[in-house]
Protein backbone atom coordinates (compact mmCIF):
# COMPACT_ATOMS: atom_id res chain seq x y z
CA MET A 1 0.00 0.00 0.00
CA GLU A 2 3.02 2.30 -0.26
CA PHE A 3 2.55 5.27 -2.56
CA ILE A 4 4.50 8.01 -4.31
CA ASP A 5 3.04 11.42 -5.12
CA THR A 6 4.37 11.89 -8.63
CA HIS A 7 3.66 15.63 -8.83
CA CYS A 8 3.59 18.25 -6.09
CA HIS A 9 5.19 21.59 -5.27
CA LEU A 10 6.79 21.06 -1.86
CA ASP A 11 8.08 24.59 -1.37
CA MET A 12 4.57 25.96 -1.88
CA ILE A 13 3.02 23.27 0.33
CA LEU A 14 5.32 24.10 3.23
CA ALA A 15 4.57 27.81 2.83
CA LYS A 16 0.80 27.23 2.71
CA LEU A 17 0.90 25.02 5.80
CA GLY A 18 3.25 27.37 7.67
CA LEU A 19 5.77 24.59 8.30
CA PRO A 20 9.51 25.32 8.52
CA ASP A 21 10.88 22.23 6.80
CA PHE A 22 10.15 18.83 5.29
CA HIS A 23 10.94 17.04 8.56
CA SER A 24 8.07 18.88 10.30
CA PHE A 25 5.79 18.26 7.35
CA ARG A 26 6.51 14.55 7.28
CA ALA A 27 5.89 14.21 11.01
CA GLN A 28 2.59 16.09 10.92
CA CYS A 29 1.04 15.18 7.57
CA LEU A 30 2.36 11.97 6.05
CA PRO A 31 1.16 8.44 6.82
CA PRO A 32 3.51 5.46 7.15
CA GLU A 33 2.58 4.38 3.61
CA PHE A 34 4.26 7.46 2.13
CA ALA A 35 7.21 6.23 0.07
CA GLY A 36 8.22 9.42 -1.72
CA CYS A 37 7.25 12.41 -3.81
CA ILE A 38 8.46 14.33 -6.83
CA THR A 39 8.56 18.07 -6.20
CA ILE A 40 8.21 20.22 -9.29
CA SER A 41 10.00 23.47 -10.03
CA CYS A 42 8.33 25.14 -12.99
CA ALA A 43 9.01 28.85 -12.36
CA PRO A 44 12.33 30.71 -12.57
CA ASP A 45 12.24 31.63 -8.88
CA SER A 46 11.54 28.09 -7.60
CA ILE A 47 14.63 26.27 -8.89
CA GLU A 48 16.80 26.83 -5.83
CA ALA A 49 13.99 26.00 -3.38
CA ALA A 50 13.36 22.68 -5.12
CA LEU A 51 17.06 21.84 -5.20
CA ALA A 52 17.35 22.51 -1.47
CA VAL A 53 14.66 20.00 -0.52
CA LEU A 54 16.23 17.22 -2.62
CA ASP A 55 18.59 16.59 0.29
CA GLU A 56 15.64 15.03 2.12
CA PRO A 57 15.13 11.27 1.89
CA GLN A 58 12.14 10.23 -0.23
CA VAL A 59 12.11 13.55 -2.13
CA TYR A 60 12.92 13.76 -5.82
CA GLY A 61 12.68 16.65 -8.25
CA ALA A 62 11.77 17.79 -11.75
CA PHE A 63 12.64 21.08 -13.42
CA GLY A 64 11.14 22.97 -16.34
CA ILE A 65 9.35 26.21 -17.18
CA HIS A 66 5.55 26.39 -17.08
CA PRO A 67 3.82 28.01 -20.07
CA HIS A 68 2.82 30.92 -17.84
CA ASP A 69 6.51 31.88 -17.72
CA ALA A 70 7.39 31.08 -21.32
CA LYS A 71 8.10 34.77 -21.93
CA ALA A 72 10.98 34.54 -19.42
CA TYR A 73 12.66 31.62 -21.17
CA GLY A 74 16.10 32.17 -22.66
CA PRO A 75 19.67 30.82 -22.71
CA GLU A 76 20.45 31.82 -19.11
CA LEU A 77 17.31 30.19 -17.71
CA GLU A 78 17.83 27.11 -19.84
CA ALA A 79 21.37 26.79 -18.47
CA ARG A 80 19.98 26.97 -14.90
CA LEU A 81 17.52 24.18 -15.70
CA GLN A 82 20.26 22.04 -17.20
CA GLY A 83 22.34 22.58 -14.09
CA ALA A 84 19.46 21.62 -11.82
CA LEU A 85 18.78 18.50 -13.87
CA SER A 86 22.35 17.33 -13.30
CA HIS A 87 21.39 16.66 -9.66
CA PRO A 88 21.28 12.88 -9.08
CA LYS A 89 17.72 13.10 -7.72
CA ALA A 90 16.39 15.27 -10.57
CA LEU A 91 14.27 12.87 -12.58
CA ALA A 92 12.42 14.74 -15.34
CA TRP A 93 12.08 17.89 -17.43
CA GLY A 94 8.83 19.62 -16.56
CA GLU A 95 6.31 20.70 -16.11
CA ILE A 96 6.18 22.19 -19.58
CA GLY A 97 3.41 22.72 -22.09
CA LEU A 98 0.65 25.07 -23.18
CA ASP A 99 -1.98 27.01 -21.24
CA TYR A 100 -4.49 28.89 -23.37
CA HIS A 101 -6.87 29.46 -20.46
CA TYR A 102 -4.87 32.30 -18.91
CA ASP A 103 -2.51 33.24 -21.76
CA PHE A 104 -0.01 34.73 -19.30
CA SER A 105 2.57 34.34 -22.08
CA PRO A 106 1.78 34.87 -25.79
CA ARG A 107 0.65 31.65 -27.46
CA GLU A 108 3.33 31.65 -30.13
CA GLU A 109 5.97 32.08 -27.44
CA GLN A 110 4.39 29.24 -25.46
CA ARG A 111 4.61 26.96 -28.49
CA GLU A 112 8.22 27.85 -29.25
CA VAL A 113 9.32 27.33 -25.64
CA PHE A 114 7.36 24.08 -25.32
CA ALA A 115 9.02 22.67 -28.43
CA ARG A 116 12.44 23.83 -27.23
CA GLN A 117 11.97 22.19 -23.83
CA ILE A 118 10.78 18.92 -25.33
CA ARG A 119 13.98 18.81 -27.35
CA GLN A 120 16.09 19.66 -24.29
CA GLY A 121 14.46 16.96 -22.18
CA VAL A 122 14.95 14.37 -24.90
CA ALA A 123 18.59 15.41 -25.39
CA LEU A 124 19.20 14.84 -21.67
CA GLY A 125 17.34 11.52 -21.70
CA LYS A 126 14.77 12.77 -19.18
CA PRO A 127 11.06 11.92 -19.02
CA LEU A 128 8.74 14.82 -19.89
CA ILE A 129 6.03 16.24 -17.62
CA ILE A 130 3.30 17.93 -19.62
CA HIS A 131 0.84 20.67 -18.66
CA THR A 132 -1.99 21.29 -21.12
CA ARG A 133 -5.07 23.43 -20.66
CA GLU A 134 -7.49 24.39 -23.43
CA ALA A 135 -4.74 23.66 -25.97
CA GLU A 136 -5.39 20.10 -27.07
CA GLU A 137 -4.59 20.27 -30.77
CA ASP A 138 -1.41 22.31 -30.37
CA THR A 139 -0.22 20.09 -27.50
CA LEU A 140 -0.74 16.96 -29.57
CA GLU A 141 0.85 18.48 -32.66
CA LEU A 142 3.99 19.55 -30.82
CA LEU A 143 4.36 16.32 -28.86
CA GLU A 144 3.89 14.20 -31.96
CA ARG A 145 6.39 16.36 -33.88
CA GLU A 146 9.10 16.70 -31.23
CA ALA A 147 8.95 13.69 -28.88
CA PRO A 148 9.99 10.17 -29.87
CA ARG A 149 7.05 7.76 -29.87
CA ASP A 150 8.58 5.59 -27.16
CA TRP A 151 9.43 8.50 -24.82
CA LYS A 152 8.39 8.42 -21.18
CA ILE A 153 5.74 11.12 -20.74
CA HIS A 154 3.55 12.10 -17.78
CA VAL A 155 0.58 14.25 -18.79
CA HIS A 156 -0.01 15.67 -15.36
CA CYS A 157 -3.32 16.68 -13.77
CA PHE A 158 -5.23 15.37 -16.75
CA THR A 159 -8.44 17.35 -17.34
CA SER A 160 -8.68 17.32 -21.13
CA SER A 161 -11.27 15.51 -23.27
CA PRO A 162 -11.82 11.76 -23.63
CA GLY A 163 -10.64 12.07 -27.23
CA MET A 164 -7.41 13.70 -26.10
CA ALA A 165 -6.82 10.87 -23.61
CA GLU A 166 -7.41 8.25 -26.29
CA ARG A 167 -5.07 9.89 -28.78
CA LEU A 168 -2.27 10.44 -26.27
CA LEU A 169 -2.43 6.86 -25.03
CA ALA A 170 -2.51 5.51 -28.59
CA SER A 171 0.30 7.73 -29.88
CA PHE A 172 2.79 7.22 -27.04
CA PRO A 173 2.95 3.70 -25.55
CA ASN A 174 5.05 4.85 -22.56
CA LEU A 175 2.79 7.82 -21.72
CA CYS A 176 0.80 7.91 -18.47
CA LEU A 177 -2.04 10.17 -17.39
CA GLY A 178 -1.81 11.74 -13.93
CA PHE A 179 -4.99 12.00 -11.85
CA THR A 180 -5.33 14.48 -8.97
CA GLY A 181 -7.96 15.28 -6.36
CA ILE A 182 -10.20 16.60 -9.14
CA VAL A 183 -11.22 13.00 -9.83
CA THR A 184 -12.99 12.98 -6.42
CA PHE A 185 -15.10 16.08 -7.16
CA LYS A 186 -18.82 15.39 -7.56
CA ASN A 187 -19.08 17.42 -10.75
CA ALA A 188 -16.06 15.78 -12.42
CA LEU A 189 -18.13 13.14 -14.21
CA GLU A 190 -16.27 13.32 -17.53
CA LEU A 191 -12.89 13.01 -15.81
CA GLN A 192 -14.17 10.09 -13.76
CA GLY A 193 -15.18 8.40 -17.00
CA ILE A 194 -11.69 8.94 -18.38
CA ALA A 195 -10.10 7.50 -15.22
CA LYS A 196 -12.40 4.47 -15.47
CA ALA A 197 -11.46 3.94 -19.13
CA THR A 198 -7.70 4.47 -18.73
CA PRO A 199 -5.85 1.16 -18.30
CA LEU A 200 -4.34 0.71 -14.85
CA ASP A 201 -0.88 0.41 -16.36
CA ARG A 202 -1.18 3.98 -17.75
CA ILE A 203 -2.20 5.80 -14.52
CA LEU A 204 -0.04 7.87 -12.17
CA LEU A 205 -1.21 9.17 -8.79
CA GLU A 206 -0.48 12.82 -8.01
CA THR A 207 -1.82 15.68 -5.90
CA ASP A 208 -0.43 18.79 -7.65
CA GLY A 209 -0.31 20.08 -4.08
CA PRO A 210 -0.93 22.65 -2.74
CA TYR A 211 -3.67 22.83 -5.39
CA LEU A 212 -6.76 20.69 -5.93
CA ALA A 213 -7.15 18.94 -2.58
CA PRO A 214 -9.48 15.93 -2.85
CA ILE A 215 -12.77 15.53 -1.07
CA PRO A 216 -13.01 15.60 1.97
CA HIS A 217 -10.18 18.18 2.13
CA ARG A 218 -11.36 20.44 -0.69
CA GLY A 219 -10.49 24.07 0.00
CA LYS A 220 -7.43 23.18 2.06
CA PRO A 221 -3.83 22.91 0.83
CA ALA A 222 -3.32 19.59 -0.94
CA HIS A 223 -0.23 17.54 -0.10
CA PRO A 224 1.19 14.04 -0.68
CA GLY A 225 -0.69 12.68 2.35
CA HIS A 226 -3.90 13.03 0.30
CA ILE A 227 -2.92 10.41 -2.29
CA PRO A 228 -5.00 7.69 -0.54
CA PHE A 229 -8.22 9.60 -1.29
CA ILE A 230 -7.34 9.74 -5.00
CA ALA A 231 -6.37 6.06 -5.10
CA ALA A 232 -9.60 5.09 -3.34
CA LYS A 233 -11.71 6.98 -5.88
CA ILE A 234 -9.94 5.37 -8.83
CA ALA A 235 -10.40 1.95 -7.23
CA GLU A 236 -14.11 2.69 -6.80
CA LEU A 237 -14.47 3.82 -10.42
CA LYS A 238 -12.69 0.73 -11.71
CA GLY A 239 -14.31 -1.73 -9.33
CA VAL A 240 -11.00 -3.06 -8.02
CA GLU A 241 -9.29 -3.24 -4.65
CA VAL A 242 -7.38 -0.11 -3.70
CA GLY A 243 -4.26 -2.23 -3.26
CA THR A 244 -4.47 -3.05 -6.96
CA VAL A 245 -4.41 0.67 -7.80
CA TYR A 246 -1.45 1.28 -5.49
CA ALA A 247 0.51 -1.63 -6.97
CA ALA A 248 -0.14 -0.49 -10.55
CA ALA A 249 0.72 3.13 -9.78
CA ARG A 250 3.96 2.13 -8.08
CA GLU A 251 4.98 0.04 -11.08
CA ASN A 252 4.04 2.87 -13.46
CA THR A 253 6.10 5.29 -11.36
CA ARG A 254 9.07 2.94 -11.45
CA ARG A 255 8.74 2.51 -15.21
CA THR A 256 8.36 6.24 -15.87
CA TYR A 257 10.72 7.77 -13.34
CA GLY A 258 12.96 4.94 -12.18
CA ILE A 259 11.89 5.17 -8.52
């Protein structure tokens, strides 16, 4: 029943909870089944904070630039990411992608930076962590153009359409969809259908903490200790034992990230 949260933002979680360090957080919030988490740095000012927490046991990292900050991307920032990804516990390039909901960076700039980061992640041999919101066709086009078909890809916090899920899973055999606390929301019927239809060997468990806490913690900061609520909902949707979901997710995490 051990679990790994494959996508969270530890520096933000600690700040939201008012805790001084990971040791305090682990003592107060994490159950014995917690086996690890991947903390994500996806903004220019979060790289050092994520690197600092990698000294903790059971904490791994990923580094990339979110589409919101695509306008800040350039050679200097790319060099910082490459340096961070040389850390032995830095597992993946991401999260990267497209976000047409907020358009905090111009769309053309988002596309250029997304393509550039896919190429950088592939050149370093790192799995890719993808963010996509209201940008299905462009996300698919760029992934299919830039990423090798057999690449390890985690489409995190999946909330896109059933058709998008089907095409991603068909196009990339080593791609997994990440499900967060959203899958527990009462109004998330389409997403629940996608989770039910997604094969167990293509599912990753994640919180995206401090965002998107699952029921019954909705409205509070999400954190890796909430993974059991997500796993339980997926087990319910699929009509299997929760231990089956945990075992599959652990194997998928090992296959994708090597942990």
